[in-house]
Structures are given as structure tokens and as C-alpha cells.
Amino acid sequence: MIIDSEIKKQLVEAAIHVRNWSYSPYSKYAVGAAILTSSGKVYDGANVENAVFPLTMCAERVAVFNAVSQGELDFEAVAVVTENAGTPCGSCRQVLAEYGLDTLVIIADHHGTIHQEKTVAELLPGAFTPKDLPKS
């Protein structure tokens, strides 16, 4: 699938919209994510914090888990929107790597300005993936 500028814009707008649902009372750092699957469907997610900080779930992982729970395993692109165009954390990079190192990651600010476009492989060089596990 070709990720043209119109698709990128739609993904960023979806991530901006879902960012409004962020539950981030502790960090005050709202994040929205929208994933485009190879079937053409878009799944979104917002970060959900918890008073027990390790239980917090990032927007990117929420979006991935939403997609996977609907049977989607092939991702084309993900847009991540924050106030300052922050990049996905290491845990999110690893989760995205599970489903393909070629997935395009579009990083934008809350105004919709795209600051970076990188593949998961570029964000997580040397990623540990299912192919690294021993075959049974």
C-alpha cells in the first residue's frame, strides 16, 4: 500500500482526535496514535495512565492491541501525536517491531505538523523479533 500525503494527513488527524481521550492526570502528556492496517482499516488509541506508574499504557500500544484484538496483524503506518512531536518509547517500538519493521511511523505535534517519518527498523535498530526465537 502506498502511504500518500492524504493518507498521512488522515492518520495524523485521527491521532489528534483520539488524543483528546487521553487519561494522563500524572504526566499531563497526552498522546494519540492511529494505525493503518494492510486491510485499510484504522485503529486508534490514547495513553492511559495509572497511579501505579508501571501499569500505564502508551497510546501506540493501545492502538496496536485494538487492531490485534480485531484480527489485524499487518500494519502499514502509525501516526503518533503529542504536544511536542515526541517519539514512541522503547516498549512501543518493541511492540511495533513484532508486527513489522517496515511499518512507517509518522511523528507529529498537536497542530498536525509532521516532524519525522521513520520505519520501525530505523527507530529500533537491531530489533529482537519473532525470527530471533528458536524454531521448535
N, C-alpha and C. Protein backbone atom coordinates (compact mmCIF):
# COMPACT_ATOMS: atom_id res chain seq x y z
N MET A 1 0.85 -1.18 0.00
CA MET A 1 0.00 0.00 0.00
C MET A 1 0.89 1.24 0.00
N ILE A 2 0.52 2.20 -0.82
CA ILE A 2 1.27 3.45 -0.87
C ILE A 2 0.71 4.41 0.18
N ILE A 3 1.58 4.96 0.97
CA ILE A 3 1.17 5.90 2.01
C ILE A 3 1.38 7.30 1.46
N ASP A 4 0.36 7.82 0.79
CA ASP A 4 0.50 9.16 0.21
C ASP A 4 0.21 10.24 1.25
N SER A 5 0.40 11.48 0.87
CA SER A 5 0.26 12.59 1.82
C SER A 5 -1.16 12.70 2.38
N GLU A 6 -2.15 12.34 1.59
CA GLU A 6 -3.54 12.41 2.08
C GLU A 6 -3.79 11.35 3.17
N ILE A 7 -3.28 10.16 2.97
CA ILE A 7 -3.42 9.10 3.99
C ILE A 7 -2.68 9.50 5.26
N LYS A 8 -1.47 10.05 5.11
CA LYS A 8 -0.71 10.51 6.27
C LYS A 8 -1.50 11.56 7.04
N LYS A 9 -2.09 12.51 6.31
CA LYS A 9 -2.88 13.56 6.94
C LYS A 9 -4.07 12.98 7.70
N GLN A 10 -4.75 12.01 7.10
CA GLN A 10 -5.90 11.37 7.76
C GLN A 10 -5.48 10.64 9.03
N LEU A 11 -4.34 9.96 8.98
CA LEU A 11 -3.84 9.27 10.17
C LEU A 11 -3.50 10.25 11.28
N VAL A 12 -2.82 11.33 10.91
CA VAL A 12 -2.46 12.35 11.91
C VAL A 12 -3.73 12.96 12.50
N GLU A 13 -4.72 13.25 11.69
CA GLU A 13 -5.97 13.81 12.20
C GLU A 13 -6.68 12.84 13.14
N ALA A 14 -6.65 11.55 12.81
CA ALA A 14 -7.25 10.55 13.70
C ALA A 14 -6.51 10.51 15.04
N ALA A 15 -5.18 10.60 14.99
CA ALA A 15 -4.39 10.59 16.22
C ALA A 15 -4.63 11.85 17.05
N ILE A 16 -4.79 12.99 16.37
CA ILE A 16 -5.11 14.23 17.08
C ILE A 16 -6.45 14.08 17.79
N HIS A 17 -7.42 13.52 17.08
CA HIS A 17 -8.76 13.36 17.66
C HIS A 17 -8.74 12.45 18.89
N VAL A 18 -8.12 11.29 18.77
CA VAL A 18 -8.12 10.33 19.88
C VAL A 18 -7.28 10.84 21.05
N ARG A 19 -6.33 11.69 20.78
CA ARG A 19 -5.50 12.29 21.85
C ARG A 19 -6.37 13.01 22.88
N ASN A 20 -7.52 13.50 22.44
CA ASN A 20 -8.45 14.16 23.36
C ASN A 20 -8.97 13.23 24.44
N TRP A 21 -8.91 11.92 24.22
CA TRP A 21 -9.40 10.94 25.18
C TRP A 21 -8.30 10.44 26.12
N SER A 22 -7.11 10.97 25.96
CA SER A 22 -6.00 10.56 26.82
C SER A 22 -6.37 10.73 28.29
N TYR A 23 -6.02 9.73 29.07
CA TYR A 23 -6.15 9.83 30.53
C TYR A 23 -4.73 9.97 31.06
N SER A 24 -4.29 11.22 31.24
CA SER A 24 -2.91 11.48 31.63
C SER A 24 -2.83 12.51 32.76
N PRO A 25 -3.48 12.20 33.91
CA PRO A 25 -3.51 13.17 35.00
C PRO A 25 -2.16 13.34 35.70
N TYR A 26 -1.24 12.40 35.53
CA TYR A 26 0.03 12.47 36.25
C TYR A 26 1.11 13.15 35.42
N SER A 27 1.28 12.71 34.20
CA SER A 27 2.32 13.30 33.36
C SER A 27 1.85 14.55 32.64
N LYS A 28 0.55 14.67 32.46
CA LYS A 28 -0.03 15.77 31.66
C LYS A 28 0.50 15.72 30.22
N TYR A 29 0.91 14.54 29.77
CA TYR A 29 1.49 14.35 28.43
C TYR A 29 0.54 13.47 27.62
N ALA A 30 -0.41 14.11 26.97
CA ALA A 30 -1.42 13.38 26.19
C ALA A 30 -0.81 12.90 24.87
N VAL A 31 -1.12 11.65 24.54
CA VAL A 31 -0.63 11.05 23.30
C VAL A 31 -1.80 10.37 22.59
N GLY A 32 -1.84 10.53 21.27
CA GLY A 32 -2.81 9.83 20.44
C GLY A 32 -2.07 9.08 19.36
N ALA A 33 -2.60 7.92 18.99
CA ALA A 33 -1.99 7.12 17.93
C ALA A 33 -3.09 6.54 17.05
N ALA A 34 -2.79 6.42 15.77
CA ALA A 34 -3.70 5.80 14.81
C ALA A 34 -2.90 4.91 13.89
N ILE A 35 -3.31 3.65 13.78
CA ILE A 35 -2.60 2.66 12.97
C ILE A 35 -3.42 2.30 11.75
N LEU A 36 -2.78 2.33 10.60
CA LEU A 36 -3.39 1.89 9.35
C LEU A 36 -2.94 0.45 9.10
N THR A 37 -3.90 -0.45 8.93
CA THR A 37 -3.58 -1.84 8.65
C THR A 37 -3.57 -2.09 7.15
N SER A 38 -3.03 -3.23 6.75
CA SER A 38 -2.98 -3.56 5.33
C SER A 38 -4.37 -3.77 4.74
N SER A 39 -5.37 -4.01 5.59
CA SER A 39 -6.75 -4.15 5.11
C SER A 39 -7.39 -2.79 4.85
N GLY A 40 -6.68 -1.71 5.24
CA GLY A 40 -7.20 -0.37 5.02
C GLY A 40 -7.95 0.21 6.21
N LYS A 41 -8.11 -0.57 7.28
CA LYS A 41 -8.79 -0.08 8.48
C LYS A 41 -7.82 0.69 9.35
N VAL A 42 -8.37 1.63 10.11
CA VAL A 42 -7.59 2.43 11.05
C VAL A 42 -8.06 2.13 12.46
N TYR A 43 -7.12 1.88 13.35
CA TYR A 43 -7.40 1.64 14.77
C TYR A 43 -6.64 2.69 15.55
N ASP A 44 -7.29 3.21 16.59
CA ASP A 44 -6.64 4.28 17.34
C ASP A 44 -6.48 3.92 18.81
N GLY A 45 -5.75 4.78 19.51
CA GLY A 45 -5.54 4.59 20.93
C GLY A 45 -4.99 5.85 21.55
N ALA A 46 -5.31 6.05 22.82
CA ALA A 46 -4.79 7.16 23.62
C ALA A 46 -4.06 6.56 24.81
N ASN A 47 -3.10 7.31 25.35
CA ASN A 47 -2.41 6.80 26.52
C ASN A 47 -3.35 6.81 27.72
N VAL A 48 -3.16 5.79 28.58
CA VAL A 48 -3.99 5.61 29.76
C VAL A 48 -3.05 5.41 30.95
N GLU A 49 -2.98 6.43 31.79
CA GLU A 49 -2.08 6.36 32.95
C GLU A 49 -2.76 5.71 34.14
N ASN A 50 -1.94 5.36 35.12
CA ASN A 50 -2.41 4.72 36.33
C ASN A 50 -1.57 5.23 37.49
N ALA A 51 -2.17 5.33 38.66
CA ALA A 51 -1.42 5.78 39.84
C ALA A 51 -0.23 4.86 40.12
N VAL A 52 -0.34 3.60 39.75
CA VAL A 52 0.79 2.68 39.80
C VAL A 52 1.46 2.79 38.43
N PHE A 53 2.45 3.66 38.34
CA PHE A 53 3.01 4.08 37.06
C PHE A 53 3.36 2.96 36.08
N PRO A 54 3.94 1.83 36.51
CA PRO A 54 4.27 0.79 35.52
C PRO A 54 3.05 0.22 34.79
N LEU A 55 1.87 0.44 35.33
CA LEU A 55 0.66 -0.08 34.70
C LEU A 55 0.12 0.84 33.61
N THR A 56 0.74 1.98 33.43
CA THR A 56 0.35 2.92 32.39
C THR A 56 0.51 2.26 31.02
N MET A 57 -0.41 2.57 30.10
CA MET A 57 -0.34 2.03 28.75
C MET A 57 -0.22 3.17 27.76
N CYS A 58 0.77 3.09 26.90
CA CYS A 58 1.01 4.11 25.88
C CYS A 58 -0.02 4.03 24.76
N ALA A 59 -0.25 5.14 24.10
CA ALA A 59 -1.23 5.22 23.02
C ALA A 59 -0.90 4.26 21.88
N GLU A 60 0.38 4.16 21.54
CA GLU A 60 0.78 3.29 20.43
C GLU A 60 0.40 1.85 20.72
N ARG A 61 0.66 1.40 21.95
CA ARG A 61 0.33 0.01 22.30
C ARG A 61 -1.17 -0.19 22.37
N VAL A 62 -1.91 0.81 22.86
CA VAL A 62 -3.38 0.70 22.87
C VAL A 62 -3.89 0.51 21.44
N ALA A 63 -3.37 1.30 20.51
CA ALA A 63 -3.80 1.19 19.11
C ALA A 63 -3.43 -0.18 18.54
N VAL A 64 -2.22 -0.64 18.80
CA VAL A 64 -1.80 -1.97 18.32
C VAL A 64 -2.72 -3.04 18.89
N PHE A 65 -2.97 -2.99 20.18
CA PHE A 65 -3.79 -4.03 20.81
C PHE A 65 -5.23 -3.96 20.32
N ASN A 66 -5.74 -2.75 20.03
CA ASN A 66 -7.07 -2.63 19.43
C ASN A 66 -7.10 -3.34 18.08
N ALA A 67 -6.09 -3.12 17.26
CA ALA A 67 -6.03 -3.74 15.94
C ALA A 67 -5.91 -5.26 16.04
N VAL A 68 -4.98 -5.71 16.88
CA VAL A 68 -4.75 -7.15 17.01
C VAL A 68 -6.00 -7.85 17.56
N SER A 69 -6.69 -7.20 18.48
CA SER A 69 -7.90 -7.82 19.05
C SER A 69 -9.03 -7.93 18.03
N GLN A 70 -8.87 -7.26 16.88
CA GLN A 70 -9.84 -7.36 15.79
C GLN A 70 -9.30 -8.23 14.64
N GLY A 71 -8.19 -8.93 14.90
CA GLY A 71 -7.65 -9.86 13.93
C GLY A 71 -6.66 -9.26 12.95
N GLU A 72 -6.26 -8.02 13.16
CA GLU A 72 -5.31 -7.34 12.26
C GLU A 72 -3.88 -7.57 12.74
N LEU A 73 -3.02 -8.01 11.83
CA LEU A 73 -1.62 -8.27 12.19
C LEU A 73 -0.63 -7.59 11.27
N ASP A 74 -1.10 -7.01 10.18
CA ASP A 74 -0.23 -6.35 9.22
C ASP A 74 -0.46 -4.85 9.24
N PHE A 75 0.56 -4.11 9.62
CA PHE A 75 0.44 -2.66 9.74
C PHE A 75 1.24 -1.97 8.64
N GLU A 76 0.66 -0.93 8.09
CA GLU A 76 1.32 -0.14 7.06
C GLU A 76 1.98 1.10 7.67
N ALA A 77 1.24 1.77 8.56
CA ALA A 77 1.73 3.04 9.13
C ALA A 77 1.05 3.30 10.46
N VAL A 78 1.72 4.08 11.28
CA VAL A 78 1.15 4.55 12.53
C VAL A 78 1.50 6.02 12.69
N ALA A 79 0.50 6.82 13.04
CA ALA A 79 0.75 8.23 13.36
C ALA A 79 0.72 8.38 14.87
N VAL A 80 1.69 9.10 15.40
CA VAL A 80 1.79 9.37 16.82
C VAL A 80 1.79 10.88 17.00
N VAL A 81 0.86 11.37 17.82
CA VAL A 81 0.73 12.81 18.03
C VAL A 81 0.89 13.13 19.51
N THR A 82 1.78 14.09 19.79
CA THR A 82 1.97 14.62 21.13
C THR A 82 2.06 16.14 21.03
N GLU A 83 2.14 16.79 22.16
CA GLU A 83 2.30 18.25 22.18
C GLU A 83 3.53 18.69 21.40
N ASN A 84 4.63 17.94 21.59
CA ASN A 84 5.93 18.36 21.04
C ASN A 84 6.54 17.39 20.05
N ALA A 85 5.70 16.53 19.45
CA ALA A 85 6.18 15.55 18.46
C ALA A 85 7.19 14.57 19.06
N GLY A 86 6.90 14.10 20.27
CA GLY A 86 7.76 13.11 20.91
C GLY A 86 7.67 11.77 20.20
N THR A 87 8.77 11.04 20.21
CA THR A 87 8.82 9.74 19.54
C THR A 87 8.31 8.62 20.47
N PRO A 88 7.94 7.48 19.91
CA PRO A 88 7.49 6.36 20.72
C PRO A 88 8.59 5.88 21.68
N CYS A 89 8.17 5.43 22.84
CA CYS A 89 9.12 4.91 23.83
C CYS A 89 9.66 3.56 23.36
N GLY A 90 10.63 3.05 24.06
CA GLY A 90 11.24 1.77 23.70
C GLY A 90 10.27 0.61 23.72
N SER A 91 9.38 0.58 24.69
CA SER A 91 8.39 -0.51 24.76
C SER A 91 7.48 -0.49 23.54
N CYS A 92 7.05 0.70 23.15
CA CYS A 92 6.18 0.82 21.97
C CYS A 92 6.93 0.43 20.70
N ARG A 93 8.18 0.81 20.61
CA ARG A 93 8.98 0.43 19.44
C ARG A 93 9.08 -1.08 19.35
N GLN A 94 9.31 -1.73 20.50
CA GLN A 94 9.42 -3.19 20.50
C GLN A 94 8.10 -3.84 20.12
N VAL A 95 6.98 -3.34 20.62
CA VAL A 95 5.68 -3.90 20.27
C VAL A 95 5.42 -3.72 18.77
N LEU A 96 5.72 -2.55 18.23
CA LEU A 96 5.54 -2.32 16.80
C LEU A 96 6.43 -3.26 15.98
N ALA A 97 7.64 -3.54 16.46
CA ALA A 97 8.56 -4.43 15.75
C ALA A 97 7.99 -5.83 15.61
N GLU A 98 7.18 -6.24 16.54
CA GLU A 98 6.56 -7.57 16.49
C GLU A 98 5.76 -7.77 15.20
N TYR A 99 5.23 -6.68 14.68
CA TYR A 99 4.32 -6.77 13.53
C TYR A 99 4.93 -6.24 12.24
N GLY A 100 6.17 -5.87 12.25
CA GLY A 100 6.83 -5.49 11.01
C GLY A 100 7.75 -4.30 11.15
N LEU A 101 8.98 -4.51 10.75
CA LEU A 101 9.99 -3.46 10.84
C LEU A 101 9.83 -2.40 9.76
N ASP A 102 9.03 -2.69 8.73
CA ASP A 102 8.83 -1.75 7.64
C ASP A 102 7.67 -0.77 7.89
N THR A 103 6.96 -0.94 9.00
CA THR A 103 5.85 -0.04 9.30
C THR A 103 6.36 1.39 9.39
N LEU A 104 5.70 2.29 8.70
CA LEU A 104 6.06 3.70 8.73
C LEU A 104 5.53 4.34 10.01
N VAL A 105 6.37 5.06 10.72
CA VAL A 105 5.98 5.78 11.92
C VAL A 105 6.02 7.27 11.61
N ILE A 106 4.85 7.90 11.70
CA ILE A 106 4.70 9.32 11.41
C ILE A 106 4.57 10.04 12.75
N ILE A 107 5.48 10.94 13.02
CA ILE A 107 5.51 11.62 14.32
C ILE A 107 5.14 13.09 14.09
N ALA A 108 4.06 13.50 14.76
CA ALA A 108 3.53 14.85 14.55
C ALA A 108 3.24 15.53 15.87
N ASP A 109 3.13 16.85 15.81
CA ASP A 109 2.74 17.61 17.00
C ASP A 109 1.21 17.81 17.00
N HIS A 110 0.72 18.42 18.05
CA HIS A 110 -0.73 18.58 18.23
C HIS A 110 -1.38 19.51 17.21
N HIS A 111 -0.58 20.23 16.44
CA HIS A 111 -1.11 21.06 15.35
C HIS A 111 -1.24 20.27 14.05
N GLY A 112 -0.69 19.05 14.03
CA GLY A 112 -0.73 18.23 12.84
C GLY A 112 0.50 18.35 11.97
N THR A 113 1.49 19.08 12.43
CA THR A 113 2.74 19.22 11.68
C THR A 113 3.57 17.96 11.85
N ILE A 114 3.92 17.33 10.75
CA ILE A 114 4.74 16.13 10.79
C ILE A 114 6.20 16.54 10.95
N HIS A 115 6.84 15.99 11.99
CA HIS A 115 8.24 16.31 12.29
C HIS A 115 9.20 15.23 11.82
N GLN A 116 8.73 13.98 11.83
CA GLN A 116 9.59 12.87 11.42
C GLN A 116 8.75 11.78 10.77
N GLU A 117 9.37 11.06 9.87
CA GLU A 117 8.81 9.84 9.29
C GLU A 117 9.93 8.83 9.24
N LYS A 118 9.77 7.74 9.97
CA LYS A 118 10.80 6.71 10.02
C LYS A 118 10.12 5.35 10.05
N THR A 119 10.83 4.34 9.63
CA THR A 119 10.30 2.98 9.79
C THR A 119 10.58 2.52 11.22
N VAL A 120 9.90 1.47 11.62
CA VAL A 120 10.17 0.89 12.93
C VAL A 120 11.64 0.46 13.00
N ALA A 121 12.15 -0.10 11.91
CA ALA A 121 13.56 -0.53 11.88
C ALA A 121 14.51 0.63 12.14
N GLU A 122 14.18 1.80 11.62
CA GLU A 122 15.03 2.98 11.85
C GLU A 122 14.94 3.45 13.31
N LEU A 123 13.77 3.28 13.92
CA LEU A 123 13.60 3.68 15.31
C LEU A 123 14.15 2.65 16.30
N LEU A 124 14.26 1.41 15.84
CA LEU A 124 14.72 0.34 16.73
C LEU A 124 15.71 -0.56 15.99
N PRO A 125 16.92 -0.04 15.75
CA PRO A 125 17.92 -0.86 15.05
C PRO A 125 18.26 -2.10 15.88
N GLY A 126 18.44 -3.20 15.20
CA GLY A 126 18.78 -4.44 15.90
C GLY A 126 17.63 -5.02 16.68
N ALA A 127 16.41 -4.73 16.27
CA ALA A 127 15.22 -5.19 17.00
C ALA A 127 15.20 -6.71 17.16
N PHE A 128 14.75 -7.14 18.31
CA PHE A 128 14.51 -8.56 18.57
C PHE A 128 13.11 -8.86 18.07
N THR A 129 12.98 -9.79 17.14
CA THR A 129 11.69 -10.10 16.54
C THR A 129 11.43 -11.60 16.61
N PRO A 130 10.24 -12.05 16.24
CA PRO A 130 9.94 -13.48 16.29
C PRO A 130 10.95 -14.36 15.56
N LYS A 131 11.58 -13.83 14.51
CA LYS A 131 12.56 -14.63 13.76
C LYS A 131 13.80 -14.94 14.60
N ASP A 132 14.00 -14.19 15.69
CA ASP A 132 15.16 -14.41 16.56
C ASP A 132 14.94 -15.54 17.56
N LEU A 133 13.70 -16.00 17.68
CA LEU A 133 13.41 -17.10 18.60
C LEU A 133 13.74 -18.43 17.95
N PRO A 134 14.15 -19.41 18.76
CA PRO A 134 14.46 -20.72 18.19
C PRO A 134 13.21 -21.36 17.59
N LYS A 135 13.40 -22.08 16.51
CA LYS A 135 12.30 -22.81 15.87
C LYS A 135 12.08 -24.09 16.65
N SER A 136 10.81 -24.45 16.86
CA SER A 136 10.53 -25.70 17.59
C SER A 136 10.16 -26.81 16.67
